[in-house]
Protein backbone atom coordinates (compact mmCIF):
# COMPACT_ATOMS: atom_id res chain seq x y z
CA MET A 1 0.00 0.00 0.00
CA ARG A 2 1.52 3.31 -1.08
CA ILE A 3 0.44 6.21 1.13
CA ALA A 4 1.04 9.89 0.43
CA ILE A 5 1.50 12.19 3.42
CA ALA A 6 0.41 15.75 2.62
CA GLN A 7 1.84 18.02 5.32
CA LEU A 8 0.35 21.46 4.65
CA THR A 9 -0.66 24.64 6.45
CA ALA A 10 -4.33 25.50 6.04
CA SER A 11 -5.48 29.07 5.53
CA THR A 12 -8.80 30.49 6.69
CA ASP A 13 -10.28 30.25 3.16
CA PRO A 14 -11.91 26.90 2.30
CA VAL A 15 -11.69 27.61 -1.46
CA THR A 16 -7.95 28.27 -1.29
CA ASN A 17 -7.47 25.16 0.81
CA LEU A 18 -9.47 23.09 -1.65
CA ALA A 19 -7.16 24.17 -4.47
CA LEU A 20 -4.17 23.15 -2.36
CA ILE A 21 -5.74 19.76 -1.64
CA GLU A 22 -6.37 19.24 -5.35
CA ALA A 23 -2.78 20.09 -6.28
CA TYR A 24 -1.30 17.70 -3.72
CA ALA A 25 -3.80 14.92 -4.46
CA ARG A 26 -2.96 15.08 -8.17
CA ARG A 27 0.75 14.81 -7.39
CA ALA A 28 0.05 11.87 -5.09
CA ALA A 29 -1.96 10.05 -7.74
CA THR A 30 0.77 10.64 -10.33
CA ARG A 31 3.26 8.96 -7.99
CA GLY A 32 1.07 5.89 -7.61
CA ALA A 33 -0.38 6.45 -4.15
CA SER A 34 -3.65 4.68 -3.40
CA LEU A 35 -4.26 6.87 -0.33
CA VAL A 36 -3.38 10.49 0.41
CA VAL A 37 -3.76 11.77 3.96
CA PHE A 38 -4.20 15.46 4.78
CA PRO A 39 -4.20 17.08 8.24
CA GLU A 40 -7.06 17.96 10.54
CA ALA A 41 -8.84 21.26 9.79
CA MET A 42 -7.68 21.45 6.17
CA MET A 43 -11.05 22.93 5.25
CA CYS A 44 -10.17 25.97 7.37
CA SER A 45 -7.57 26.61 10.04
CA PHE A 46 -8.60 27.16 13.65
CA ALA A 47 -7.70 30.84 13.25
CA ARG A 48 -11.25 31.33 11.94
CA PRO A 49 -14.40 30.21 13.78
CA SER A 50 -15.31 26.80 12.41
CA SER A 51 -19.02 27.67 12.57
CA GLU A 52 -18.45 30.17 9.73
CA VAL A 53 -17.38 27.44 7.30
CA SER A 54 -19.17 24.33 8.56
CA GLU A 55 -21.50 22.60 6.13
CA PRO A 56 -23.46 19.34 5.89
CA PHE A 57 -21.40 16.23 5.21
CA GLY A 58 -22.95 16.17 1.75
CA GLY A 59 -22.29 19.87 1.14
CA PRO A 60 -20.36 21.52 -1.70
CA TRP A 61 -16.88 21.46 -0.13
CA ALA A 62 -17.08 17.75 0.65
CA ARG A 63 -18.64 17.08 -2.74
CA SER A 64 -15.66 18.73 -4.44
CA VAL A 65 -13.28 16.44 -2.54
CA ARG A 66 -15.38 13.41 -3.50
CA ASP A 67 -15.33 14.40 -7.16
CA LEU A 68 -11.56 14.86 -6.99
CA ALA A 69 -11.03 11.41 -5.45
CA SER A 70 -13.27 9.84 -8.08
CA ASP A 71 -11.49 11.64 -10.91
CA LEU A 72 -8.04 10.58 -9.70
CA GLY A 73 -8.94 7.05 -8.59
CA ILE A 74 -7.41 7.71 -5.17
CA THR A 75 -8.70 7.67 -1.59
CA ILE A 76 -8.51 10.97 0.28
CA ILE A 77 -8.66 11.49 4.04
CA VAL A 78 -9.00 15.14 5.02
CA GLY A 79 -10.19 17.23 7.96
CA MET A 80 -13.29 19.44 7.67
CA PHE A 81 -16.11 20.81 9.82
CA THR A 82 -19.70 19.57 9.62
CA ASP A 83 -22.93 20.75 11.16
CA ALA A 84 -23.92 19.39 14.58
CA ASP A 85 -27.35 19.29 16.20
CA ASP A 86 -26.64 22.18 18.59
CA ASP A 87 -24.86 25.48 17.96
CA ARG A 88 -21.52 23.71 17.71
CA VAL A 89 -19.95 21.78 14.82
CA TYR A 90 -18.21 18.43 14.42
CA ASN A 91 -14.48 18.17 13.78
CA THR A 92 -14.82 15.63 10.99
CA LEU A 93 -12.51 13.47 8.92
CA LEU A 94 -13.89 12.89 5.44
CA VAL A 95 -12.84 9.63 3.80
CA THR A 96 -13.71 9.28 0.15
CA GLY A 97 -12.55 7.10 -2.72
CA ALA A 98 -12.32 3.32 -2.39
CA ASP A 99 -14.55 3.61 0.68
CA GLU A 100 -16.76 6.39 2.03
CA ALA A 101 -16.89 7.31 5.71
CA ARG A 102 -16.80 10.07 8.27
CA TYR A 103 -15.18 10.18 11.67
CA ASP A 104 -16.11 12.87 14.19
CA LYS A 105 -13.37 13.59 16.71
CA ILE A 106 -14.20 11.97 20.05
CA HIS A 107 -11.68 13.47 22.49
CA LEU A 108 -11.88 17.27 22.50
CA PHE A 109 -8.90 19.42 23.43
CA ASP A 110 -9.97 21.04 26.70
CA ALA A 111 -6.43 21.46 27.97
CA LEU A 112 -3.45 23.83 28.05
CA GLY A 113 -5.70 26.87 27.82
CA PHE A 114 -7.80 25.56 24.92
CA HIS A 115 -11.53 24.79 25.22
CA GLU A 116 -12.43 22.96 22.04
CA SER A 117 -15.72 21.70 23.45
CA LYS A 118 -17.11 25.25 23.48
CA HIS A 119 -17.29 25.16 19.70
CA ILE A 120 -16.94 21.48 18.76
CA ALA A 121 -19.39 18.69 19.59
CA PRO A 122 -17.81 15.32 20.44
CA GLY A 123 -18.15 12.33 18.18
CA ARG A 124 -19.61 9.15 19.64
CA SER A 125 -18.26 6.22 17.67
CA LEU A 126 -15.07 4.74 16.29
CA GLU A 127 -14.71 4.39 12.55
CA LEU A 128 -12.84 2.03 10.25
CA VAL A 129 -12.68 1.98 6.47
CA ASP A 130 -11.75 -0.81 4.07
CA LEU A 131 -8.93 0.17 1.73
CA GLU A 132 -7.58 -2.49 -0.62
CA GLY A 133 -8.86 -5.18 1.78
CA THR A 134 -7.11 -3.59 4.76
CA LEU A 135 -9.08 -2.07 7.63
CA VAL A 136 -7.88 1.43 8.46
CA GLY A 137 -8.83 3.13 11.73
CA LEU A 138 -9.31 6.86 12.14
CA ALA A 139 -8.28 9.32 14.86
CA THR A 140 -7.88 13.07 15.16
CA CYS A 141 -5.18 15.03 16.99
CA TYR A 142 -5.91 14.86 20.77
CA ASP A 143 -7.24 11.32 20.31
CA ILE A 144 -3.60 10.23 20.08
CA ARG A 145 -3.26 10.70 23.85
CA PHE A 146 -5.86 7.98 24.52
CA PRO A 147 -4.41 4.46 24.08
CA ASN A 148 -7.78 2.74 24.46
CA GLN A 149 -9.08 4.21 21.21
CA PHE A 150 -6.16 2.70 19.32
CA THR A 151 -6.33 -0.73 20.93
CA ARG A 152 -10.09 -0.84 20.33
CA LEU A 153 -9.56 -0.02 16.66
CA ALA A 154 -6.90 -2.72 16.45
CA THR A 155 -9.04 -5.38 18.14
CA THR A 156 -11.79 -4.50 15.65
CA GLY A 157 -9.40 -5.31 12.84
CA ALA A 158 -7.43 -2.15 12.02
CA LYS A 159 -3.91 -2.81 10.78
CA VAL A 160 -3.32 0.84 9.91
CA ILE A 161 -4.48 3.81 12.00
CA VAL A 162 -4.49 7.28 10.47
CA VAL A 163 -4.18 10.31 12.75
CA CYS A 164 -4.91 13.73 11.25
CA ALA A 165 -3.80 16.66 13.39
CA SER A 166 -3.41 20.38 13.82
CA TRP A 167 -0.98 19.93 16.71
CA ALA A 168 -0.68 23.28 18.47
CA PRO A 169 2.93 24.29 19.09
CA GLY A 170 4.35 24.72 22.58
CA PRO A 171 7.06 23.47 24.94
CA PHE A 172 8.00 19.85 24.20
CA LYS A 173 5.03 19.45 21.83
CA THR A 174 7.12 18.02 18.98
CA HIS A 175 8.70 15.49 21.33
CA GLN A 176 5.26 14.56 22.69
CA TRP A 177 3.84 14.14 19.19
CA ARG A 178 6.66 11.81 18.12
CA THR A 179 6.52 9.82 21.36
CA LEU A 180 2.75 9.42 21.30
CA ALA A 181 2.69 8.25 17.67
CA THR A 182 5.34 5.66 18.43
CA ALA A 183 3.61 4.49 21.60
CA ARG A 184 0.22 4.15 19.89
CA ALA A 185 1.76 2.02 17.14
CA MET A 186 3.27 -0.25 19.77
CA ASP A 187 0.06 -0.36 21.86
CA SER A 188 -2.01 -1.42 18.87
CA THR A 189 0.66 -3.34 16.94
CA ALA A 190 -0.56 -1.39 13.91
CA PHE A 191 0.95 1.06 11.48
CA VAL A 192 0.32 4.62 12.64
CA VAL A 193 0.24 7.28 9.93
CA ALA A 194 0.16 10.61 11.78
CA VAL A 195 -0.15 13.69 9.57
CA ASP A 196 0.14 17.15 11.11
CA GLN A 197 -0.21 20.61 9.66
CA ALA A 198 3.10 22.17 8.71
CA ALA A 199 4.53 24.83 10.99
CA ALA A 200 3.55 28.32 9.87
CA GLY A 201 6.86 29.78 8.81
CA ASP A 202 6.33 33.51 8.32
CA PRO A 203 5.99 35.94 11.25
CA GLU A 204 2.42 36.91 10.37
CA ARG A 205 1.20 33.31 10.62
CA ARG A 206 3.54 31.91 13.27
CA ALA A 207 1.12 32.52 16.14
CA LEU A 208 -1.84 30.88 14.41
CA PRO A 209 -2.96 27.48 15.73
CA THR A 210 -1.78 25.28 12.88
CA GLY A 211 0.87 22.64 13.60
CA VAL A 212 4.46 21.70 14.31
CA GLY A 213 4.96 19.52 11.24
CA HIS A 214 6.91 16.31 11.87
CA SER A 215 4.31 14.06 10.27
CA ILE A 216 5.41 10.54 11.07
CA VAL A 217 4.80 6.93 10.04
CA VAL A 218 5.55 4.20 12.57
CA ASP A 219 5.40 0.44 12.00
CA PRO A 220 3.72 -2.06 14.38
CA THR A 221 6.98 -2.64 16.28
CA GLY A 222 7.59 1.05 16.94
CA ARG A 223 10.12 1.59 14.17
CA VAL A 224 9.90 5.03 12.56
CA LEU A 225 9.62 4.61 8.79
CA LEU A 226 9.29 8.27 7.91
CA GLU A 227 9.40 11.61 9.71
CA LEU A 228 9.12 14.98 8.00
CA GLY A 229 10.46 18.34 9.10
CA THR A 230 8.42 21.46 9.77
CA ALA A 231 7.84 22.72 6.21
CA PRO A 232 5.04 21.86 3.77
CA GLU A 233 5.88 18.64 1.98
CA LEU A 234 4.41 15.70 0.09
CA ALA A 235 6.08 12.43 1.05
CA PHE A 236 5.44 8.77 0.30
CA VAL A 237 5.71 5.53 2.22
CA ASP A 238 5.10 1.95 1.09
CA ILE A 239 3.79 -0.39 3.76
CA ASP A 240 2.76 -4.04 3.92
CA PRO A 241 -0.25 -4.32 6.26
CA ALA A 242 0.53 -8.03 6.75
CA GLU A 243 3.41 -6.91 8.96
CA ALA A 244 0.79 -6.11 11.59
CA ASP A 245 -0.18 -9.80 11.65
CA THR A 246 3.46 -10.78 12.06
CA ALA A 247 3.92 -8.33 14.93
CA ARG A 248 0.74 -9.54 16.64
CA GLY A 249 1.82 -13.15 16.30
CA ALA A 250 5.14 -12.40 17.96
CA LEU A 251 3.69 -10.07 20.61
CA PRO A 252 0.00 -10.88 21.20
CA LEU A 253 -0.86 -7.77 23.20
CA LEU A 254 -4.39 -7.48 21.85
CA SER A 255 -5.36 -10.96 23.02
CA SER A 256 -3.69 -10.78 26.43
């Protein structure tokens, strides 16, 4: 399975971000990727109220991504915002292509001075998608701090777990991100593909809540296969999901 990791910095304009997604997805398809993963909040960065851009899951922004995936013959995973039942919105991952699904972020970031639950409604259920016969689990940003979500996805059959993030910068945050991704891969004996927003490089954007970069892919034994820097980048990794079975046979954590 060839996976493209699209580490980008979202702006506050969904149309501009959609053009960026299209450009990177086309490059990914040209390089033979079957899946391209974008960060959380690629529809619009957290610098703008998500309620201003939220739309139904079947709305025009999501429909454009679906059409793109269909045109390219590739599966896209990307973060957006969808309407909730109250005055908040869902922090949603759209999956479209070989399979169609949505995952609404379960664990909301009410920590370190942030209060995500004021504006975001929590999701209620785990989600897996079937890509090329491999079950892929979904998680978003703060979810990575909760091992139980990853082991539950793995016991349900996930051999790959995708984490899309807009990992707010701060003291030791890059170290925490790298450590958590590695630990979750080892907890679940699954591949973890963790894609963060790139660090905003210019002074005007540096303070915006985007990411630290360092998107990372870790195999089921905890070995780092790929780690990016802080800048926008499109990278590729080839994985064999059967390696999760081998790891689980040697270290049967999920059945212990």
